[in-house]
Amino acid sequence: MVVLPASAVKHINKMWRKRLIRVVVFLFCFFLISVYVCDKLVSNQSIGKLFNDANNIPFNKTGLLLGTSKFGANGYRNLYYVYRIDAAVKLFRQGKIKYLIVSGDNGRKEYNEPETMRADLISAGVDSSKIFLDYAGFRTFDSVVRLKEIFGQDAVTIISQPFHNERAIYIATGEKINAIGFNAKDVNSRVGMKTQIREKLARVKVIIDFWFGKKPKFLGNKIQIPG
């Protein structure tokens, strides 16, 4: 058995630490570049397709309201939710959509985003017969794919905050859906910082999903939207 001198062991350990640091730095830089590139790919896809003024947005028969929880983890109202409801109501009042698909998470019996949003839309004056619910919109990817596969729509106005609309339009384009976005009021950067960071990672994830041919968690029976 050969016993290396302490100085040799120390030298080898030092070499390995340097190599490990190089690998970590490389992976971190690769991660940052990937996030930047994916962010640009997603945002560039929506250029000219986002609208802030309901008076200027083109008419689409169907709107897609992307779901979120009504209350945050702190028990206070979720402003993302409030502003999305306001935006959907505004489009109806301006006659810019005829029907609305509300797509959200109903993965647990006690948690039902579509029904909650439907109730608030009706309270705001939206005709209940114009609202269709998608209970399997667990992710934005699922909501957009199901829009075409389940509800048979190949043109849509997506309703959410600007950053979310950008990603949804990217997905819609990949699914050959002619999509535009109506921007709900955004939440200030201090309150929405965690959401913005999560959004950057979600953009990487959606591109990976396309690469690997990801499918929605559920599809199911088709639902017909009137003409």
C-alpha atoms as a PDB file:
ATOM      1  CA  MET A   1       0.000   0.000   0.000  1.00  0.00           C
ATOM      2  CA  VAL A   2       1.403   3.327  -1.081  1.00  0.00           C
ATOM      3  CA  VAL A   3       0.924   6.201   1.322  1.00  0.00           C
ATOM      4  CA  LEU A   4       1.100   9.612  -0.286  1.00  0.00           C
ATOM      5  CA  PRO A   5       2.850  12.398   1.542  1.00  0.00           C
ATOM      6  CA  ALA A   6       0.573  14.919   3.207  1.00  0.00           C
ATOM      7  CA  SER A   7       1.751  17.611   0.807  1.00  0.00           C
ATOM      8  CA  ALA A   8       0.703  15.458  -2.204  1.00  0.00           C
ATOM      9  CA  VAL A   9      -2.716  14.764  -0.718  1.00  0.00           C
ATOM     10  CA  LYS A  10      -3.162  18.450  -0.059  1.00  0.00           C
ATOM     11  CA  HIS A  11      -2.175  19.244  -3.670  1.00  0.00           C
ATOM     12  CA  ILE A  12      -4.643  16.681  -5.099  1.00  0.00           C
ATOM     13  CA  ASN A  13      -7.470  17.984  -2.930  1.00  0.00           C
ATOM     14  CA  LYS A  14      -6.697  21.508  -4.069  1.00  0.00           C
ATOM     15  CA  MET A  15      -6.842  20.416  -7.725  1.00  0.00           C
ATOM     16  CA  TRP A  16     -10.213  18.719  -7.239  1.00  0.00           C
ATOM     17  CA  ARG A  17     -11.637  21.766  -5.488  1.00  0.00           C
ATOM     18  CA  LYS A  18     -10.557  23.947  -8.408  1.00  0.00           C
ATOM     19  CA  ARG A  19     -12.144  21.562 -10.894  1.00  0.00           C
ATOM     20  CA  LEU A  20     -15.337  21.433  -8.869  1.00  0.00           C
ATOM     21  CA  ILE A  21     -15.499  25.227  -8.747  1.00  0.00           C
ATOM     22  CA  ARG A  22     -15.017  25.390 -12.529  1.00  0.00           C
ATOM     23  CA  VAL A  23     -17.832  22.895 -13.077  1.00  0.00           C
ATOM     24  CA  VAL A  24     -20.161  24.767 -10.729  1.00  0.00           C
ATOM     25  CA  VAL A  25     -19.362  28.103 -12.397  1.00  0.00           C
ATOM     26  CA  PHE A  26     -19.891  26.568 -15.852  1.00  0.00           C
ATOM     27  CA  LEU A  27     -23.244  25.061 -14.869  1.00  0.00           C
ATOM     28  CA  PHE A  28     -24.374  28.316 -13.273  1.00  0.00           C
ATOM     29  CA  CYS A  29     -23.447  30.315 -16.385  1.00  0.00           C
ATOM     30  CA  PHE A  30     -25.173  27.755 -18.597  1.00  0.00           C
ATOM     31  CA  PHE A  31     -28.281  28.039 -16.428  1.00  0.00           C
ATOM     32  CA  LEU A  32     -28.322  31.840 -16.652  1.00  0.00           C
ATOM     33  CA  ILE A  33     -27.832  31.777 -20.425  1.00  0.00           C
ATOM     34  CA  SER A  34     -30.612  29.191 -20.801  1.00  0.00           C
ATOM     35  CA  VAL A  35     -33.009  31.304 -18.747  1.00  0.00           C
ATOM     36  CA  TYR A  36     -32.155  34.407 -20.795  1.00  0.00           C
ATOM     37  CA  VAL A  37     -32.548  32.668 -24.175  1.00  0.00           C
ATOM     38  CA  CYS A  38     -35.840  30.987 -23.217  1.00  0.00           C
ATOM     39  CA  ASP A  39     -37.179  34.259 -21.850  1.00  0.00           C
ATOM     40  CA  LYS A  40     -36.412  36.024 -25.142  1.00  0.00           C
ATOM     41  CA  LEU A  41     -37.876  33.227 -27.267  1.00  0.00           C
ATOM     42  CA  VAL A  42     -41.137  33.393 -25.338  1.00  0.00           C
ATOM     43  CA  SER A  43     -41.469  37.178 -25.177  1.00  0.00           C
ATOM     44  CA  ASN A  44     -40.566  37.681 -28.859  1.00  0.00           C
ATOM     45  CA  GLN A  45     -43.359  35.358 -29.934  1.00  0.00           C
ATOM     46  CA  SER A  46     -45.992  37.739 -28.547  1.00  0.00           C
ATOM     47  CA  ILE A  47     -44.740  40.936 -30.189  1.00  0.00           C
ATOM     48  CA  GLY A  48     -47.745  42.749 -31.675  1.00  0.00           C
ATOM     49  CA  LYS A  49     -50.188  40.292 -30.078  1.00  0.00           C
ATOM     50  CA  LEU A  50     -50.716  41.901 -26.658  1.00  0.00           C
ATOM     51  CA  PHE A  51     -53.365  44.552 -25.977  1.00  0.00           C
ATOM     52  CA  ASN A  52     -53.980  46.787 -22.970  1.00  0.00           C
ATOM     53  CA  ASP A  53     -57.028  48.679 -24.271  1.00  0.00           C
ATOM     54  CA  ALA A  54     -60.276  46.790 -24.761  1.00  0.00           C
ATOM     55  CA  ASN A  55     -61.349  49.345 -27.358  1.00  0.00           C
ATOM     56  CA  ASN A  56     -58.451  48.439 -29.631  1.00  0.00           C
ATOM     57  CA  ILE A  57     -58.337  44.669 -29.345  1.00  0.00           C
ATOM     58  CA  PRO A  58     -59.795  42.636 -32.240  1.00  0.00           C
ATOM     59  CA  PHE A  59     -62.912  40.517 -31.695  1.00  0.00           C
ATOM     60  CA  ASN A  60     -62.538  36.805 -31.016  1.00  0.00           C
ATOM     61  CA  LYS A  61     -65.468  34.490 -30.489  1.00  0.00           C
ATOM     62  CA  THR A  62     -63.748  32.875 -27.511  1.00  0.00           C
ATOM     63  CA  GLY A  63     -61.683  34.139 -24.615  1.00  0.00           C
ATOM     64  CA  LEU A  64     -59.518  31.968 -22.397  1.00  0.00           C
ATOM     65  CA  LEU A  65     -59.308  33.145 -18.791  1.00  0.00           C
ATOM     66  CA  LEU A  66     -56.336  31.530 -17.077  1.00  0.00           C
ATOM     67  CA  GLY A  67     -57.043  30.508 -13.531  1.00  0.00           C
ATOM     68  CA  THR A  68     -55.379  31.311 -10.245  1.00  0.00           C
ATOM     69  CA  SER A  69     -56.363  31.152  -6.591  1.00  0.00           C
ATOM     70  CA  LYS A  70     -58.684  33.811  -5.194  1.00  0.00           C
ATOM     71  CA  PHE A  71     -56.666  34.149  -1.994  1.00  0.00           C
ATOM     72  CA  GLY A  72     -52.937  34.048  -1.366  1.00  0.00           C
ATOM     73  CA  ALA A  73     -51.142  31.958   1.232  1.00  0.00           C
ATOM     74  CA  ASN A  74     -51.408  34.927   3.619  1.00  0.00           C
ATOM     75  CA  GLY A  75     -55.208  34.833   3.431  1.00  0.00           C
ATOM     76  CA  TYR A  76     -55.506  38.143   1.574  1.00  0.00           C
ATOM     77  CA  ARG A  77     -57.125  38.554  -1.829  1.00  0.00           C
ATOM     78  CA  ASN A  78     -54.873  37.567  -4.692  1.00  0.00           C
ATOM     79  CA  LEU A  79     -54.557  40.669  -6.888  1.00  0.00           C
ATOM     80  CA  TYR A  80     -53.657  38.547  -9.916  1.00  0.00           C
ATOM     81  CA  TYR A  81     -57.088  36.952  -9.547  1.00  0.00           C
ATOM     82  CA  VAL A  82     -58.925  40.243  -9.007  1.00  0.00           C
ATOM     83  CA  TYR A  83     -57.371  41.903 -12.046  1.00  0.00           C
ATOM     84  CA  ARG A  84     -58.010  38.908 -14.324  1.00  0.00           C
ATOM     85  CA  ILE A  85     -61.696  38.896 -13.428  1.00  0.00           C
ATOM     86  CA  ASP A  86     -61.858  42.638 -14.107  1.00  0.00           C
ATOM     87  CA  ALA A  87     -60.198  42.190 -17.497  1.00  0.00           C
ATOM     88  CA  ALA A  88     -62.551  39.392 -18.575  1.00  0.00           C
ATOM     89  CA  VAL A  89     -65.601  41.432 -17.566  1.00  0.00           C
ATOM     90  CA  LYS A  90     -64.261  44.416 -19.501  1.00  0.00           C
ATOM     91  CA  LEU A  91     -63.947  42.355 -22.687  1.00  0.00           C
ATOM     92  CA  PHE A  92     -67.536  41.160 -22.355  1.00  0.00           C
ATOM     93  CA  ARG A  93     -68.846  44.661 -21.787  1.00  0.00           C
ATOM     94  CA  GLN A  94     -66.963  45.921 -24.844  1.00  0.00           C
ATOM     95  CA  GLY A  95     -68.322  43.055 -26.952  1.00  0.00           C
ATOM     96  CA  LYS A  96     -64.821  41.775 -27.749  1.00  0.00           C
ATOM     97  CA  ILE A  97     -65.573  38.131 -26.909  1.00  0.00           C
ATOM     98  CA  LYS A  98     -68.756  36.092 -27.126  1.00  0.00           C
ATOM     99  CA  TYR A  99     -67.830  33.105 -24.966  1.00  0.00           C
ATOM    100  CA  LEU A 100     -65.355  32.539 -22.181  1.00  0.00           C
ATOM    101  CA  ILE A 101     -63.508  29.381 -21.227  1.00  0.00           C
ATOM    102  CA  VAL A 102     -62.358  29.537 -17.611  1.00  0.00           C
ATOM    103  CA  SER A 103     -59.454  27.148 -17.193  1.00  0.00           C
ATOM    104  CA  GLY A 104     -57.972  26.338 -13.816  1.00  0.00           C
ATOM    105  CA  ASP A 105     -57.057  23.783 -11.205  1.00  0.00           C
ATOM    106  CA  ASN A 106     -59.669  21.481  -9.684  1.00  0.00           C
ATOM    107  CA  GLY A 107     -57.260  18.789  -8.580  1.00  0.00           C
ATOM    108  CA  ARG A 108     -58.817  18.576  -5.111  1.00  0.00           C
ATOM    109  CA  LYS A 109     -62.468  18.473  -4.134  1.00  0.00           C
ATOM    110  CA  GLU A 110     -62.092  21.459  -1.815  1.00  0.00           C
ATOM    111  CA  TYR A 111     -60.178  23.554  -4.361  1.00  0.00           C
ATOM    112  CA  ASN A 112     -61.946  24.683  -7.512  1.00  0.00           C
ATOM    113  CA  GLU A 113     -60.535  27.648  -9.415  1.00  0.00           C
ATOM    114  CA  PRO A 114     -62.967  27.502 -12.387  1.00  0.00           C
ATOM    115  CA  GLU A 115     -66.117  27.472 -10.235  1.00  0.00           C
ATOM    116  CA  THR A 116     -64.845  30.277  -8.030  1.00  0.00           C
ATOM    117  CA  MET A 117     -64.009  32.448 -11.032  1.00  0.00           C
ATOM    118  CA  ARG A 118     -67.335  31.637 -12.670  1.00  0.00           C
ATOM    119  CA  ALA A 119     -69.232  32.792  -9.582  1.00  0.00           C
ATOM    120  CA  ASP A 120     -67.386  36.113  -9.521  1.00  0.00           C
ATOM    121  CA  LEU A 121     -67.869  36.640 -13.252  1.00  0.00           C
ATOM    122  CA  ILE A 122     -71.617  36.096 -12.893  1.00  0.00           C
ATOM    123  CA  SER A 123     -71.706  38.459  -9.905  1.00  0.00           C
ATOM    124  CA  ALA A 124     -70.070  41.069 -12.153  1.00  0.00           C
ATOM    125  CA  GLY A 125     -72.810  40.690 -14.757  1.00  0.00           C
ATOM    126  CA  VAL A 126     -71.469  38.075 -17.191  1.00  0.00           C
ATOM    127  CA  ASP A 127     -74.173  35.806 -18.650  1.00  0.00           C
ATOM    128  CA  SER A 128     -73.668  32.323 -17.161  1.00  0.00           C
ATOM    129  CA  SER A 129     -74.629  30.690 -20.483  1.00  0.00           C
ATOM    130  CA  LYS A 130     -71.549  32.273 -22.062  1.00  0.00           C
ATOM    131  CA  ILE A 131     -69.118  30.682 -19.598  1.00  0.00           C
ATOM    132  CA  PHE A 132     -67.546  27.248 -20.095  1.00  0.00           C
ATOM    133  CA  LEU A 133     -65.377  25.619 -17.452  1.00  0.00           C
ATOM    134  CA  ASP A 134     -62.188  23.654 -17.915  1.00  0.00           C
ATOM    135  CA  TYR A 135     -61.480  21.834 -14.676  1.00  0.00           C
ATOM    136  CA  ALA A 136     -58.200  20.298 -15.876  1.00  0.00           C
ATOM    137  CA  GLY A 137     -56.188  23.465 -16.479  1.00  0.00           C
ATOM    138  CA  PHE A 138     -53.530  22.388 -14.004  1.00  0.00           C
ATOM    139  CA  ARG A 139     -50.855  24.296 -15.913  1.00  0.00           C
ATOM    140  CA  THR A 140     -50.895  26.986 -18.565  1.00  0.00           C
ATOM    141  CA  PHE A 141     -49.621  24.369 -21.012  1.00  0.00           C
ATOM    142  CA  ASP A 142     -52.629  22.153 -20.270  1.00  0.00           C
ATOM    143  CA  SER A 143     -55.086  25.063 -20.527  1.00  0.00           C
ATOM    144  CA  VAL A 144     -53.888  26.103 -23.983  1.00  0.00           C
ATOM    145  CA  VAL A 145     -53.609  22.592 -25.435  1.00  0.00           C
ATOM    146  CA  ARG A 146     -57.051  21.653 -24.097  1.00  0.00           C
ATOM    147  CA  LEU A 147     -58.487  24.824 -25.640  1.00  0.00           C
ATOM    148  CA  LYS A 148     -57.912  23.214 -29.035  1.00  0.00           C
ATOM    149  CA  GLU A 149     -58.142  19.510 -28.252  1.00  0.00           C
ATOM    150  CA  ILE A 150     -61.224  19.619 -25.998  1.00  0.00           C
ATOM    151  CA  PHE A 151     -63.014  22.855 -26.895  1.00  0.00           C
ATOM    152  CA  GLY A 152     -62.146  22.860 -30.596  1.00  0.00           C
ATOM    153  CA  GLN A 153     -60.892  26.453 -30.727  1.00  0.00           C
ATOM    154  CA  ASP A 154     -58.117  27.544 -33.084  1.00  0.00           C
ATOM    155  CA  ALA A 155     -58.438  31.287 -32.372  1.00  0.00           C
ATOM    156  CA  VAL A 156     -58.603  32.884 -28.931  1.00  0.00           C
ATOM    157  CA  THR A 157     -58.093  35.944 -26.760  1.00  0.00           C
ATOM    158  CA  ILE A 158     -56.070  34.919 -23.714  1.00  0.00           C
ATOM    159  CA  ILE A 159     -56.723  36.872 -20.525  1.00  0.00           C
ATOM    160  CA  SER A 160     -54.084  37.190 -17.826  1.00  0.00           C
ATOM    161  CA  GLN A 161     -51.196  39.402 -16.753  1.00  0.00           C
ATOM    162  CA  PRO A 162     -48.717  40.400 -19.527  1.00  0.00           C
ATOM    163  CA  PHE A 163     -45.937  37.978 -18.515  1.00  0.00           C
ATOM    164  CA  HIS A 164     -48.430  35.112 -18.377  1.00  0.00           C
ATOM    165  CA  ASN A 165     -50.021  36.049 -21.694  1.00  0.00           C
ATOM    166  CA  GLU A 166     -46.596  35.961 -23.347  1.00  0.00           C
ATOM    167  CA  ARG A 167     -46.012  32.375 -22.292  1.00  0.00           C
ATOM    168  CA  ALA A 168     -49.551  31.306 -23.181  1.00  0.00           C
ATOM    169  CA  ILE A 169     -49.209  32.834 -26.666  1.00  0.00           C
ATOM    170  CA  TYR A 170     -45.920  30.990 -27.144  1.00  0.00           C
ATOM    171  CA  ILE A 171     -47.692  27.726 -26.326  1.00  0.00           C
ATOM    172  CA  ALA A 172     -50.648  28.610 -28.555  1.00  0.00           C
ATOM    173  CA  THR A 173     -48.344  29.345 -31.478  1.00  0.00           C
ATOM    174  CA  GLY A 174     -46.721  25.941 -31.050  1.00  0.00           C
ATOM    175  CA  GLU A 175     -50.189  24.382 -31.123  1.00  0.00           C
ATOM    176  CA  LYS A 176     -51.176  26.281 -34.310  1.00  0.00           C
ATOM    177  CA  ILE A 177     -53.696  28.441 -32.430  1.00  0.00           C
ATOM    178  CA  ASN A 178     -54.164  32.035 -33.558  1.00  0.00           C
ATOM    179  CA  ALA A 179     -53.890  33.769 -30.188  1.00  0.00           C
ATOM    180  CA  ILE A 180     -53.788  37.313 -28.918  1.00  0.00           C
ATOM    181  CA  GLY A 181     -53.612  38.461 -25.313  1.00  0.00           C
ATOM    182  CA  PHE A 182     -55.595  40.982 -23.314  1.00  0.00           C
ATOM    183  CA  ASN A 183     -53.438  42.202 -20.456  1.00  0.00           C
ATOM    184  CA  ALA A 184     -55.000  42.276 -17.030  1.00  0.00           C
ATOM    185  CA  LYS A 185     -53.496  44.856 -14.687  1.00  0.00           C
ATOM    186  CA  ASP A 186     -50.181  43.627 -13.340  1.00  0.00           C
ATOM    187  CA  VAL A 187     -49.119  43.451  -9.707  1.00  0.00           C
ATOM    188  CA  ASN A 188     -46.310  45.735  -8.541  1.00  0.00           C
ATOM    189  CA  SER A 189     -42.835  44.216  -8.668  1.00  0.00           C
ATOM    190  CA  ARG A 190     -42.372  44.117  -4.892  1.00  0.00           C
ATOM    191  CA  VAL A 191     -45.494  42.033  -4.323  1.00  0.00           C
ATOM    192  CA  GLY A 192     -45.007  39.918  -7.443  1.00  0.00           C
ATOM    193  CA  MET A 193     -41.247  39.238  -7.219  1.00  0.00           C
ATOM    194  CA  LYS A 194     -41.679  35.556  -6.382  1.00  0.00           C
ATOM    195  CA  THR A 195     -44.112  35.141  -9.273  1.00  0.00           C
ATOM    196  CA  GLN A 196     -41.728  36.848 -11.689  1.00  0.00           C
ATOM    197  CA  ILE A 197     -38.857  34.562 -10.717  1.00  0.00           C
ATOM    198  CA  ARG A 198     -41.095  31.522 -11.074  1.00  0.00           C
ATOM    199  CA  GLU A 199     -42.167  32.792 -14.506  1.00  0.00           C
ATOM    200  CA  LYS A 200     -38.569  32.807 -15.778  1.00  0.00           C
ATOM    201  CA  LEU A 201     -38.205  29.156 -14.803  1.00  0.00           C
ATOM    202  CA  ALA A 202     -41.608  28.312 -16.285  1.00  0.00           C
ATOM    203  CA  ARG A 203     -40.415  29.640 -19.659  1.00  0.00           C
ATOM    204  CA  VAL A 204     -37.516  27.202 -19.619  1.00  0.00           C
ATOM    205  CA  LYS A 205     -39.914  24.420 -18.662  1.00  0.00           C
ATOM    206  CA  VAL A 206     -42.370  25.113 -21.483  1.00  0.00           C
ATOM    207  CA  ILE A 207     -39.631  24.941 -24.114  1.00  0.00           C
ATOM    208  CA  ILE A 208     -38.438  21.648 -22.635  1.00  0.00           C
ATOM    209  CA  ASP A 209     -42.054  20.423 -22.746  1.00  0.00           C
ATOM    210  CA  PHE A 210     -42.209  21.094 -26.481  1.00  0.00           C
ATOM    211  CA  TRP A 211     -38.874  19.397 -27.080  1.00  0.00           C
ATOM    212  CA  PHE A 212     -40.055  16.217 -25.353  1.00  0.00           C
ATOM    213  CA  GLY A 213     -43.619  16.266 -26.738  1.00  0.00           C
ATOM    214  CA  LYS A 214     -45.283  16.811 -23.366  1.00  0.00           C
ATOM    215  CA  LYS A 215     -49.041  16.228 -23.218  1.00  0.00           C
ATOM    216  CA  PRO A 216     -51.696  17.583 -20.795  1.00  0.00           C
ATOM    217  CA  LYS A 217     -52.337  15.587 -17.654  1.00  0.00           C
ATOM    218  CA  PHE A 218     -55.905  14.924 -18.831  1.00  0.00           C
ATOM    219  CA  LEU A 219     -57.806  15.323 -22.083  1.00  0.00           C
ATOM    220  CA  GLY A 220     -61.270  13.691 -22.029  1.00  0.00           C
ATOM    221  CA  ASN A 221     -64.494  14.245 -23.927  1.00  0.00           C
ATOM    222  CA  LYS A 222     -64.841  17.148 -26.334  1.00  0.00           C
ATOM    223  CA  ILE A 223     -67.013  20.134 -25.408  1.00  0.00           C
ATOM    224  CA  GLN A 224     -68.699  22.121 -28.160  1.00  0.00           C
ATOM    225  CA  ILE A 225     -68.705  25.904 -28.097  1.00  0.00           C
ATOM    226  CA  PRO A 226     -71.692  27.335 -30.037  1.00  0.00           C
ATOM    227  CA  GLY A 227     -70.996  29.194 -33.283  1.00  0.00           C
END
